[in-house]
Amino acid sequence: MSKKSTRLQSAEPTVPVDHQKILGLAVNTLGRNIVWSLSKRTARHGVLPGVYPIIAWLMQLPDSTQAELSRLVGIEQPTMAITLRRMERDGLIQRKPDPDHGRRSHVTLSAKGRKLSQVMRAAAHEVEKLATDGLSAAEVDQFFRLAGIMIQNLNIERYGRK
């Protein structure tokens, strides 16, 4: 085995340096590490990574529609429909028909989903504390501010609006 392949196998994922900085790679690596850390803390409770963003958004917006969740999470409607069906089957969400729109339903966390959201909230707090170790509160706030701007900028391209 060459020195290069040995180095690549043992290297920990990190952010590229200097001229190799790639925003998408850095954000993707950060996101995957956060999901791994969350999964490590929530797997024994039956919470799988695919439902994290949906539960997180339903914690923020107690009543949402499939279309809203699809846009917020950034996945296509058919994928969201499948995920919501599984979540409903597993007792994590409830759907109630929209009285003003026959084909639309409102999605809420069930009692089981709310209980799991508390597990997720605690795990997310632990992971955030670990991820932001060594950063000041101002630096963390700056990260969220900058990420928000970038998300808005890309949403304009994706959805035609902020």
N, C-alpha and C. Protein backbone atom coordinates (compact mmCIF):
# COMPACT_ATOMS: atom_id res chain seq x y z
N MET A 1 0.84 -1.17 0.00
CA MET A 1 0.00 0.00 0.00
C MET A 1 0.89 1.24 0.00
N SER A 2 0.55 2.21 -0.83
CA SER A 2 1.37 3.41 -0.93
C SER A 2 1.15 4.32 0.28
N LYS A 3 2.11 5.24 0.48
CA LYS A 3 1.97 6.20 1.58
C LYS A 3 0.73 7.05 1.39
N LYS A 4 0.44 7.40 0.14
CA LYS A 4 -0.72 8.25 -0.14
C LYS A 4 -2.01 7.56 0.26
N SER A 5 -2.19 6.29 -0.14
CA SER A 5 -3.44 5.60 0.20
C SER A 5 -3.55 5.36 1.69
N THR A 6 -2.45 5.12 2.38
CA THR A 6 -2.47 4.97 3.84
C THR A 6 -2.91 6.28 4.49
N ARG A 7 -2.37 7.38 4.01
CA ARG A 7 -2.74 8.68 4.55
C ARG A 7 -4.22 8.97 4.34
N LEU A 8 -4.73 8.66 3.17
CA LEU A 8 -6.13 8.92 2.89
C LEU A 8 -7.05 8.06 3.74
N GLN A 9 -6.66 6.82 3.99
CA GLN A 9 -7.50 5.94 4.79
C GLN A 9 -7.56 6.38 6.24
N SER A 10 -6.49 6.92 6.77
CA SER A 10 -6.46 7.27 8.18
C SER A 10 -6.87 8.73 8.43
N ALA A 11 -6.99 9.52 7.39
CA ALA A 11 -7.32 10.93 7.57
C ALA A 11 -8.76 11.08 8.06
N GLU A 12 -8.93 11.98 9.03
CA GLU A 12 -10.27 12.29 9.51
C GLU A 12 -10.89 13.32 8.57
N PRO A 13 -12.20 13.24 8.36
CA PRO A 13 -12.84 14.26 7.51
C PRO A 13 -12.66 15.64 8.14
N THR A 14 -12.28 16.58 7.33
CA THR A 14 -12.07 17.93 7.82
C THR A 14 -12.41 18.91 6.70
N VAL A 15 -12.31 20.18 6.99
CA VAL A 15 -12.58 21.21 6.00
C VAL A 15 -11.34 21.41 5.15
N PRO A 16 -11.47 21.46 3.83
CA PRO A 16 -10.31 21.74 2.98
C PRO A 16 -9.69 23.08 3.34
N VAL A 17 -8.39 23.18 3.17
CA VAL A 17 -7.68 24.40 3.55
C VAL A 17 -7.22 25.18 2.32
N ASP A 18 -6.88 26.44 2.54
CA ASP A 18 -6.32 27.35 1.54
C ASP A 18 -7.12 27.37 0.25
N HIS A 19 -6.45 27.13 -0.87
CA HIS A 19 -7.08 27.26 -2.18
C HIS A 19 -8.09 26.14 -2.45
N GLN A 20 -8.13 25.14 -1.59
CA GLN A 20 -9.04 24.01 -1.80
C GLN A 20 -10.36 24.19 -1.06
N LYS A 21 -10.60 25.34 -0.44
CA LYS A 21 -11.84 25.54 0.31
C LYS A 21 -13.03 25.44 -0.64
N ILE A 22 -13.96 24.57 -0.27
CA ILE A 22 -15.18 24.38 -1.05
C ILE A 22 -16.34 24.45 -0.06
N LEU A 23 -17.15 25.49 -0.18
CA LEU A 23 -18.24 25.72 0.76
C LEU A 23 -19.14 24.50 0.88
N GLY A 24 -19.58 23.96 -0.25
CA GLY A 24 -20.50 22.82 -0.22
C GLY A 24 -19.90 21.61 0.48
N LEU A 25 -18.63 21.37 0.27
CA LEU A 25 -17.96 20.24 0.91
C LEU A 25 -17.88 20.45 2.42
N ALA A 26 -17.56 21.66 2.84
CA ALA A 26 -17.47 21.95 4.27
C ALA A 26 -18.83 21.79 4.94
N VAL A 27 -19.87 22.35 4.32
CA VAL A 27 -21.22 22.27 4.90
C VAL A 27 -21.71 20.82 4.90
N ASN A 28 -21.45 20.10 3.82
CA ASN A 28 -21.86 18.70 3.73
C ASN A 28 -21.16 17.86 4.81
N THR A 29 -19.87 18.06 4.99
CA THR A 29 -19.12 17.31 5.99
C THR A 29 -19.64 17.65 7.39
N LEU A 30 -19.88 18.92 7.66
CA LEU A 30 -20.44 19.34 8.94
C LEU A 30 -21.80 18.69 9.15
N GLY A 31 -22.66 18.75 8.14
CA GLY A 31 -23.99 18.18 8.25
C GLY A 31 -23.97 16.68 8.50
N ARG A 32 -23.12 15.97 7.79
CA ARG A 32 -23.02 14.52 7.98
C ARG A 32 -22.51 14.18 9.37
N ASN A 33 -21.57 14.96 9.87
CA ASN A 33 -21.07 14.72 11.22
C ASN A 33 -22.14 15.02 12.27
N ILE A 34 -22.93 16.04 12.05
CA ILE A 34 -24.02 16.35 12.98
C ILE A 34 -25.04 15.22 12.97
N VAL A 35 -25.42 14.76 11.78
CA VAL A 35 -26.39 13.65 11.68
C VAL A 35 -25.85 12.40 12.35
N TRP A 36 -24.56 12.11 12.15
CA TRP A 36 -23.96 10.93 12.79
C TRP A 36 -24.04 11.05 14.31
N SER A 37 -23.70 12.22 14.83
CA SER A 37 -23.74 12.44 16.28
C SER A 37 -25.16 12.35 16.82
N LEU A 38 -26.11 12.92 16.09
CA LEU A 38 -27.51 12.82 16.51
C LEU A 38 -27.97 11.37 16.50
N SER A 39 -27.64 10.66 15.43
CA SER A 39 -28.04 9.27 15.29
C SER A 39 -27.49 8.42 16.44
N LYS A 40 -26.27 8.69 16.82
CA LYS A 40 -25.64 7.96 17.93
C LYS A 40 -26.46 8.13 19.21
N ARG A 41 -27.08 9.30 19.37
CA ARG A 41 -27.83 9.60 20.58
C ARG A 41 -29.30 9.20 20.50
N THR A 42 -29.85 9.07 19.29
CA THR A 42 -31.30 8.84 19.17
C THR A 42 -31.68 7.46 18.64
N ALA A 43 -30.73 6.71 18.10
CA ALA A 43 -31.05 5.42 17.46
C ALA A 43 -31.77 4.47 18.42
N ARG A 44 -31.36 4.44 19.67
CA ARG A 44 -31.98 3.51 20.61
C ARG A 44 -33.45 3.86 20.90
N HIS A 45 -33.85 5.06 20.52
CA HIS A 45 -35.24 5.49 20.69
C HIS A 45 -36.05 5.28 19.41
N GLY A 46 -35.41 4.74 18.39
CA GLY A 46 -36.10 4.48 17.13
C GLY A 46 -36.23 5.69 16.23
N VAL A 47 -35.48 6.73 16.49
CA VAL A 47 -35.53 7.93 15.64
C VAL A 47 -34.44 7.79 14.58
N LEU A 48 -34.85 7.74 13.33
CA LEU A 48 -33.91 7.58 12.22
C LEU A 48 -33.60 8.94 11.59
N PRO A 49 -32.40 9.08 11.02
CA PRO A 49 -31.97 10.38 10.48
C PRO A 49 -32.93 11.00 9.47
N GLY A 50 -33.63 10.22 8.68
CA GLY A 50 -34.51 10.78 7.67
C GLY A 50 -35.65 11.60 8.22
N VAL A 51 -36.00 11.38 9.48
CA VAL A 51 -37.12 12.13 10.06
C VAL A 51 -36.66 13.34 10.86
N TYR A 52 -35.35 13.49 11.09
CA TYR A 52 -34.86 14.61 11.90
C TYR A 52 -35.39 15.96 11.43
N PRO A 53 -35.19 16.30 10.16
CA PRO A 53 -35.61 17.66 9.78
C PRO A 53 -37.12 17.84 9.85
N ILE A 54 -37.88 16.79 9.61
CA ILE A 54 -39.34 16.91 9.65
C ILE A 54 -39.80 17.13 11.08
N ILE A 55 -39.28 16.32 12.00
CA ILE A 55 -39.64 16.51 13.41
C ILE A 55 -39.17 17.89 13.88
N ALA A 56 -37.96 18.28 13.49
CA ALA A 56 -37.44 19.59 13.91
C ALA A 56 -38.35 20.72 13.42
N TRP A 57 -38.80 20.64 12.16
CA TRP A 57 -39.68 21.69 11.66
C TRP A 57 -41.04 21.64 12.35
N LEU A 58 -41.56 20.44 12.62
CA LEU A 58 -42.85 20.34 13.30
C LEU A 58 -42.75 20.79 14.76
N MET A 59 -41.55 20.79 15.32
CA MET A 59 -41.35 21.36 16.66
C MET A 59 -41.47 22.88 16.57
N GLN A 60 -41.04 23.46 15.45
CA GLN A 60 -41.10 24.91 15.25
C GLN A 60 -42.47 25.37 14.76
N LEU A 61 -43.04 24.57 13.87
CA LEU A 61 -44.35 24.87 13.27
C LEU A 61 -45.29 23.72 13.63
N PRO A 62 -46.01 23.82 14.71
CA PRO A 62 -46.80 22.69 15.18
C PRO A 62 -47.81 22.14 14.18
N ASP A 63 -48.17 22.94 13.19
CA ASP A 63 -49.15 22.52 12.19
C ASP A 63 -48.62 22.94 10.83
N SER A 64 -48.41 21.98 9.95
CA SER A 64 -47.86 22.27 8.64
C SER A 64 -48.52 21.37 7.61
N THR A 65 -48.26 21.65 6.35
CA THR A 65 -48.75 20.78 5.28
C THR A 65 -47.57 20.04 4.67
N GLN A 66 -47.88 19.02 3.90
CA GLN A 66 -46.83 18.27 3.21
C GLN A 66 -46.03 19.19 2.29
N ALA A 67 -46.71 20.06 1.57
CA ALA A 67 -46.02 20.97 0.65
C ALA A 67 -45.08 21.90 1.40
N GLU A 68 -45.55 22.45 2.52
CA GLU A 68 -44.69 23.34 3.32
C GLU A 68 -43.46 22.59 3.83
N LEU A 69 -43.68 21.39 4.36
CA LEU A 69 -42.56 20.60 4.88
C LEU A 69 -41.58 20.25 3.77
N SER A 70 -42.10 19.91 2.60
CA SER A 70 -41.25 19.57 1.47
C SER A 70 -40.34 20.73 1.12
N ARG A 71 -40.90 21.93 1.08
CA ARG A 71 -40.12 23.13 0.76
C ARG A 71 -39.12 23.45 1.86
N LEU A 72 -39.55 23.38 3.11
CA LEU A 72 -38.67 23.71 4.23
C LEU A 72 -37.50 22.74 4.36
N VAL A 73 -37.78 21.44 4.19
CA VAL A 73 -36.74 20.42 4.33
C VAL A 73 -35.87 20.37 3.08
N GLY A 74 -36.45 20.74 1.94
CA GLY A 74 -35.70 20.75 0.70
C GLY A 74 -35.69 19.42 -0.01
N ILE A 75 -36.78 18.67 0.12
CA ILE A 75 -36.90 17.41 -0.62
C ILE A 75 -38.16 17.46 -1.48
N GLU A 76 -38.18 16.65 -2.50
CA GLU A 76 -39.31 16.64 -3.42
C GLU A 76 -40.57 16.10 -2.73
N GLN A 77 -41.72 16.54 -3.22
CA GLN A 77 -43.00 16.14 -2.64
C GLN A 77 -43.20 14.61 -2.58
N PRO A 78 -42.86 13.86 -3.64
CA PRO A 78 -43.06 12.40 -3.55
C PRO A 78 -42.23 11.77 -2.42
N THR A 79 -41.02 12.24 -2.23
CA THR A 79 -40.18 11.73 -1.15
C THR A 79 -40.77 12.10 0.20
N MET A 80 -41.27 13.32 0.31
CA MET A 80 -41.91 13.76 1.55
C MET A 80 -43.15 12.91 1.83
N ALA A 81 -43.93 12.63 0.79
CA ALA A 81 -45.14 11.82 0.98
C ALA A 81 -44.80 10.45 1.54
N ILE A 82 -43.77 9.83 1.00
CA ILE A 82 -43.35 8.50 1.48
C ILE A 82 -42.88 8.58 2.93
N THR A 83 -42.08 9.59 3.24
CA THR A 83 -41.55 9.75 4.59
C THR A 83 -42.69 10.00 5.58
N LEU A 84 -43.65 10.85 5.21
CA LEU A 84 -44.77 11.12 6.10
C LEU A 84 -45.64 9.88 6.30
N ARG A 85 -45.81 9.08 5.25
CA ARG A 85 -46.57 7.82 5.39
C ARG A 85 -45.90 6.92 6.43
N ARG A 86 -44.58 6.81 6.33
CA ARG A 86 -43.83 5.98 7.31
C ARG A 86 -43.97 6.55 8.71
N MET A 87 -43.86 7.86 8.83
CA MET A 87 -43.97 8.49 10.14
C MET A 87 -45.37 8.30 10.72
N GLU A 88 -46.38 8.37 9.86
CA GLU A 88 -47.75 8.14 10.32
C GLU A 88 -47.93 6.68 10.74
N ARG A 89 -47.39 5.76 9.95
CA ARG A 89 -47.44 4.33 10.27
C ARG A 89 -46.77 4.07 11.62
N ASP A 90 -45.66 4.76 11.88
CA ASP A 90 -44.91 4.56 13.11
C ASP A 90 -45.47 5.36 14.29
N GLY A 91 -46.55 6.08 14.05
CA GLY A 91 -47.21 6.82 15.12
C GLY A 91 -46.53 8.11 15.52
N LEU A 92 -45.68 8.66 14.65
CA LEU A 92 -44.96 9.90 14.97
C LEU A 92 -45.74 11.16 14.63
N ILE A 93 -46.60 11.06 13.63
CA ILE A 93 -47.38 12.22 13.20
C ILE A 93 -48.85 11.84 13.06
N GLN A 94 -49.67 12.87 12.98
CA GLN A 94 -51.09 12.72 12.65
C GLN A 94 -51.38 13.66 11.49
N ARG A 95 -52.30 13.23 10.64
CA ARG A 95 -52.74 14.09 9.54
C ARG A 95 -54.22 14.34 9.71
N LYS A 96 -54.60 15.60 9.51
CA LYS A 96 -56.00 15.97 9.58
C LYS A 96 -56.35 16.69 8.29
N PRO A 97 -57.47 16.32 7.67
CA PRO A 97 -57.86 16.98 6.41
C PRO A 97 -58.05 18.48 6.60
N ASP A 98 -57.66 19.23 5.59
CA ASP A 98 -57.87 20.68 5.57
C ASP A 98 -59.30 20.92 5.13
N PRO A 99 -60.13 21.53 5.96
CA PRO A 99 -61.53 21.74 5.58
C PRO A 99 -61.71 22.67 4.39
N ASP A 100 -60.68 23.50 4.11
CA ASP A 100 -60.77 24.45 3.00
C ASP A 100 -60.16 23.93 1.70
N HIS A 101 -59.51 22.76 1.76
CA HIS A 101 -58.83 22.24 0.58
C HIS A 101 -58.87 20.72 0.64
N GLY A 102 -59.65 20.12 -0.23
CA GLY A 102 -59.92 18.68 -0.18
C GLY A 102 -58.70 17.78 -0.29
N ARG A 103 -57.66 18.20 -1.02
CA ARG A 103 -56.51 17.32 -1.23
C ARG A 103 -55.38 17.58 -0.24
N ARG A 104 -55.52 18.58 0.58
CA ARG A 104 -54.45 18.96 1.51
C ARG A 104 -54.80 18.49 2.92
N SER A 105 -53.76 18.10 3.65
CA SER A 105 -53.96 17.75 5.06
C SER A 105 -52.93 18.49 5.90
N HIS A 106 -53.28 18.66 7.15
CA HIS A 106 -52.37 19.30 8.10
C HIS A 106 -51.64 18.22 8.87
N VAL A 107 -50.34 18.40 9.04
CA VAL A 107 -49.48 17.43 9.69
C VAL A 107 -49.08 17.99 11.05
N THR A 108 -49.25 17.17 12.09
CA THR A 108 -48.82 17.54 13.44
C THR A 108 -48.10 16.36 14.07
N LEU A 109 -47.28 16.65 15.05
CA LEU A 109 -46.65 15.56 15.80
C LEU A 109 -47.71 14.90 16.68
N SER A 110 -47.68 13.59 16.75
CA SER A 110 -48.54 12.84 17.66
C SER A 110 -47.93 12.92 19.06
N ALA A 111 -48.60 12.34 20.05
CA ALA A 111 -48.04 12.29 21.40
C ALA A 111 -46.69 11.58 21.38
N LYS A 112 -46.60 10.48 20.64
CA LYS A 112 -45.33 9.76 20.53
C LYS A 112 -44.28 10.63 19.84
N GLY A 113 -44.69 11.34 18.80
CA GLY A 113 -43.77 12.24 18.09
C GLY A 113 -43.29 13.36 18.98
N ARG A 114 -44.18 13.93 19.79
CA ARG A 114 -43.78 15.00 20.72
C ARG A 114 -42.80 14.47 21.76
N LYS A 115 -43.03 13.24 22.22
CA LYS A 115 -42.11 12.64 23.19
C LYS A 115 -40.73 12.44 22.55
N LEU A 116 -40.71 11.92 21.32
CA LEU A 116 -39.44 11.75 20.61
C LEU A 116 -38.79 13.09 20.28
N SER A 117 -39.60 14.11 20.08
CA SER A 117 -39.03 15.43 19.80
C SER A 117 -38.25 15.93 21.01
N GLN A 118 -38.66 15.55 22.20
CA GLN A 118 -37.91 15.94 23.40
C GLN A 118 -36.57 15.21 23.46
N VAL A 119 -36.55 13.94 23.04
CA VAL A 119 -35.30 13.18 22.94
C VAL A 119 -34.39 13.86 21.93
N MET A 120 -34.97 14.24 20.77
CA MET A 120 -34.20 14.92 19.73
C MET A 120 -33.68 16.26 20.21
N ARG A 121 -34.51 16.99 20.93
CA ARG A 121 -34.10 18.32 21.42
C ARG A 121 -32.89 18.18 22.35
N ALA A 122 -32.94 17.21 23.26
CA ALA A 122 -31.82 16.99 24.18
C ALA A 122 -30.57 16.57 23.41
N ALA A 123 -30.74 15.66 22.44
CA ALA A 123 -29.60 15.20 21.63
C ALA A 123 -29.03 16.36 20.82
N ALA A 124 -29.90 17.16 20.23
CA ALA A 124 -29.45 18.30 19.42
C ALA A 124 -28.68 19.30 20.28
N HIS A 125 -29.14 19.50 21.50
CA HIS A 125 -28.44 20.42 22.41
C HIS A 125 -27.04 19.88 22.71
N GLU A 126 -26.92 18.58 22.98
CA GLU A 126 -25.61 17.98 23.24
C GLU A 126 -24.68 18.12 22.03
N VAL A 127 -25.23 17.82 20.84
CA VAL A 127 -24.42 17.88 19.62
C VAL A 127 -24.00 19.32 19.32
N GLU A 128 -24.91 20.25 19.51
CA GLU A 128 -24.57 21.66 19.26
C GLU A 128 -23.48 22.11 20.22
N LYS A 129 -23.58 21.70 21.48
CA LYS A 129 -22.56 22.07 22.46
C LYS A 129 -21.21 21.49 22.05
N LEU A 130 -21.20 20.25 21.60
CA LEU A 130 -19.97 19.60 21.16
C LEU A 130 -19.40 20.29 19.91
N ALA A 131 -20.28 20.57 18.94
CA ALA A 131 -19.85 21.16 17.67
C ALA A 131 -19.32 22.58 17.85
N THR A 132 -19.86 23.31 18.81
CA THR A 132 -19.48 24.72 18.96
C THR A 132 -18.44 24.93 20.07
N ASP A 133 -17.89 23.83 20.58
CA ASP A 133 -16.85 23.94 21.61
C ASP A 133 -15.72 24.84 21.09
N GLY A 134 -15.33 25.80 21.88
CA GLY A 134 -14.25 26.70 21.49
C GLY A 134 -14.73 27.94 20.74
N LEU A 135 -16.01 28.01 20.45
CA LEU A 135 -16.57 29.19 19.78
C LEU A 135 -17.31 30.04 20.80
N SER A 136 -17.26 31.34 20.61
CA SER A 136 -18.02 32.24 21.49
C SER A 136 -19.48 32.24 21.05
N ALA A 137 -20.35 32.74 21.92
CA ALA A 137 -21.77 32.88 21.57
C ALA A 137 -21.92 33.79 20.36
N ALA A 138 -21.11 34.83 20.27
CA ALA A 138 -21.16 35.75 19.13
C ALA A 138 -20.77 35.03 17.84
N GLU A 139 -19.78 34.15 17.90
CA GLU A 139 -19.37 33.40 16.71
C GLU A 139 -20.47 32.44 16.26
N VAL A 140 -21.14 31.80 17.21
CA VAL A 140 -22.24 30.90 16.87
C VAL A 140 -23.38 31.71 16.25
N ASP A 141 -23.70 32.86 16.84
CA ASP A 141 -24.73 33.73 16.27
C ASP A 141 -24.35 34.17 14.85
N GLN A 142 -23.08 34.49 14.65
CA GLN A 142 -22.58 34.90 13.33
C GLN A 142 -22.74 33.76 12.32
N PHE A 143 -22.44 32.53 12.75
CA PHE A 143 -22.61 31.37 11.88
C PHE A 143 -24.07 31.27 11.42
N PHE A 144 -25.01 31.37 12.36
CA PHE A 144 -26.42 31.28 12.00
C PHE A 144 -26.84 32.43 11.08
N ARG A 145 -26.32 33.62 11.35
CA ARG A 145 -26.65 34.77 10.50
C ARG A 145 -26.15 34.55 9.08
N LEU A 146 -24.89 34.10 8.95
CA LEU A 146 -24.32 33.88 7.62
C LEU A 146 -25.02 32.71 6.90
N ALA A 147 -25.29 31.64 7.63
CA ALA A 147 -25.98 30.50 7.02
C ALA A 147 -27.37 30.93 6.53
N GLY A 148 -28.04 31.77 7.31
CA GLY A 148 -29.37 32.26 6.91
C GLY A 148 -29.32 33.06 5.62
N ILE A 149 -28.31 33.90 5.48
CA ILE A 149 -28.14 34.69 4.25
C ILE A 149 -27.90 33.76 3.07
N MET A 150 -27.01 32.79 3.24
CA MET A 150 -26.71 31.86 2.14
C MET A 150 -27.94 31.04 1.75
N ILE A 151 -28.70 30.61 2.74
CA ILE A 151 -29.92 29.84 2.45
C ILE A 151 -30.90 30.71 1.67
N GLN A 152 -31.08 31.95 2.10
CA GLN A 152 -31.98 32.85 1.36
C GLN A 152 -31.51 33.06 -0.07
N ASN A 153 -30.21 33.28 -0.24
CA ASN A 153 -29.67 33.49 -1.59
C ASN A 153 -29.95 32.30 -2.49
N LEU A 154 -29.73 31.11 -1.98
CA LEU A 154 -29.95 29.91 -2.79
C LEU A 154 -31.44 29.61 -2.98
N ASN A 155 -32.27 29.99 -2.00
CA ASN A 155 -33.72 29.80 -2.16
C ASN A 155 -34.27 30.66 -3.29
N ILE A 156 -33.65 31.82 -3.51
CA ILE A 156 -34.09 32.66 -4.62
C ILE A 156 -33.92 31.90 -5.93
N GLU A 157 -32.77 31.26 -6.10
CA GLU A 157 -32.56 30.47 -7.32
C GLU A 157 -33.50 29.28 -7.37
N ARG A 158 -33.66 28.59 -6.25
CA ARG A 158 -34.44 27.35 -6.24
C ARG A 158 -35.94 27.61 -6.35
N TYR A 159 -36.45 28.56 -5.58
CA TYR A 159 -37.89 28.77 -5.52
C TYR A 159 -38.35 30.08 -6.14
N GLY A 160 -37.39 30.94 -6.53
CA GLY A 160 -37.76 32.21 -7.13
C GLY A 160 -38.14 33.27 -6.13
N ARG A 161 -37.89 32.99 -4.86
CA ARG A 161 -38.22 33.98 -3.82
C ARG A 161 -37.40 33.66 -2.58
N LYS A 162 -37.40 34.60 -1.66
CA LYS A 162 -36.70 34.39 -0.36
C LYS A 162 -37.58 33.60 0.56
